[in-house]
Structure formats: C-alpha cells, structure tokens
Amino acid sequence: MRRALIVRKTPWPPFTEVDMGGLARSLGCPARRVDSYDELTAALDEVLPSLAAREESLLLDVTVTVDPDFQP
C-alpha cells in the first residue's frame, strides 16, 4: 500500500512580520519576550504573586515551536 504525504499549512499565521511586544509598548503596555521554558517560569514567578494588585497590563510574548501534527 502506498501512502501519500500530505503537507498541511499550519492553522495559524506565523506573525513574523508583527512585533507584538513593540506594538504593545507603542500603546503604553510593558512587554517582555519569552524564548524558553526557564524564561517563562521566571517571568511567571515574578508576575503572579502581585497579579491581583497589578494596575497595568503586561504582555508576555511567548515563542513556541510549531507542532506540525496539530489539528484544530
């Protein structure tokens, strides 16, 4: 039996043209880019304890690896 290889486009655009952090900062919202699991846990450890009292927004721009097998 011969199987055909099906190449599917990811279900979301890569947004490589849009700097989400830059966009947030241009609107007065602090932003931080997070590129690894360790950076994410450090950012959450810093932000979560004072989240209820926080008076300004914060964008965490988290990079993720595309899962080629993801199906919505």
Protein backbone atom coordinates (compact mmCIF):
# COMPACT_ATOMS: atom_id res chain seq x y z
CA MET A 1 0.00 0.00 0.00
CA ARG A 2 1.38 3.36 -0.97
CA ARG A 3 0.75 6.35 1.29
CA ALA A 4 0.66 9.90 0.10
CA LEU A 5 2.45 12.55 2.11
CA ILE A 6 0.04 15.33 2.93
CA VAL A 7 1.65 18.67 3.67
CA ARG A 8 -0.69 20.96 5.55
CA LYS A 9 -0.30 24.59 6.24
CA THR A 10 -0.25 25.38 9.93
CA PRO A 11 -3.65 26.54 11.23
CA TRP A 12 -2.29 29.90 12.31
CA PRO A 13 -0.10 32.52 10.63
CA PRO A 14 3.47 32.85 11.90
CA PHE A 15 3.11 36.58 12.73
CA THR A 16 6.80 37.05 11.91
CA GLU A 17 6.01 40.43 10.39
CA VAL A 18 4.35 41.72 13.57
CA ASP A 19 6.37 42.64 16.65
CA MET A 20 3.70 42.10 19.30
CA GLY A 21 5.95 43.47 22.05
CA GLY A 22 6.72 46.57 20.03
CA LEU A 23 3.05 47.07 19.29
CA ALA A 24 2.17 46.72 22.99
CA ARG A 25 4.94 49.12 24.04
CA SER A 26 3.81 51.67 21.44
CA LEU A 27 0.42 51.65 23.17
CA GLY A 28 1.98 52.13 26.61
CA CYS A 29 1.83 48.48 27.69
CA PRO A 30 5.00 46.94 29.10
CA ALA A 31 6.08 43.81 27.22
CA ARG A 32 8.59 41.05 27.69
CA ARG A 33 9.66 38.44 25.14
CA VAL A 34 9.98 34.90 26.50
CA ASP A 35 12.01 32.45 24.42
CA SER A 36 12.43 29.46 26.74
CA TYR A 37 10.68 27.48 29.43
CA ASP A 38 13.11 28.83 32.06
CA GLU A 39 12.39 32.42 31.00
CA LEU A 40 8.65 31.72 31.14
CA THR A 41 8.75 30.26 34.64
CA ALA A 42 10.96 33.14 35.83
CA ALA A 43 8.56 35.72 34.37
CA LEU A 44 5.53 33.99 35.90
CA ASP A 45 7.30 33.64 39.27
CA GLU A 46 7.92 37.37 39.18
CA VAL A 47 4.47 38.47 37.99
CA LEU A 48 1.98 36.07 39.56
CA PRO A 49 2.49 36.91 43.27
CA SER A 50 1.46 40.54 42.68
CA LEU A 51 -1.01 39.95 39.86
CA ALA A 52 -4.14 40.84 41.86
CA ALA A 53 -2.68 44.22 42.82
CA ARG A 54 -1.21 44.99 39.39
CA GLU A 55 -2.54 48.24 37.94
CA GLU A 56 -1.08 47.98 34.46
CA SER A 57 -1.17 45.37 31.75
CA LEU A 58 1.82 43.26 30.82
CA LEU A 59 2.29 41.37 27.57
CA LEU A 60 4.34 38.20 27.77
CA ASP A 61 5.29 37.47 24.15
CA VAL A 62 5.92 33.72 24.42
CA THR A 63 7.55 31.98 21.49
CA VAL A 64 6.50 28.41 20.81
CA THR A 65 7.56 25.70 18.43
CA VAL A 66 5.02 24.87 15.77
CA ASP A 67 3.59 21.38 16.14
CA PRO A 68 3.32 20.10 12.56
CA ASP A 69 0.82 17.42 13.67
CA PHE A 70 -1.58 19.86 15.34
CA GLN A 71 -5.11 19.62 14.03
CA PRO A 72 -7.77 22.01 15.33
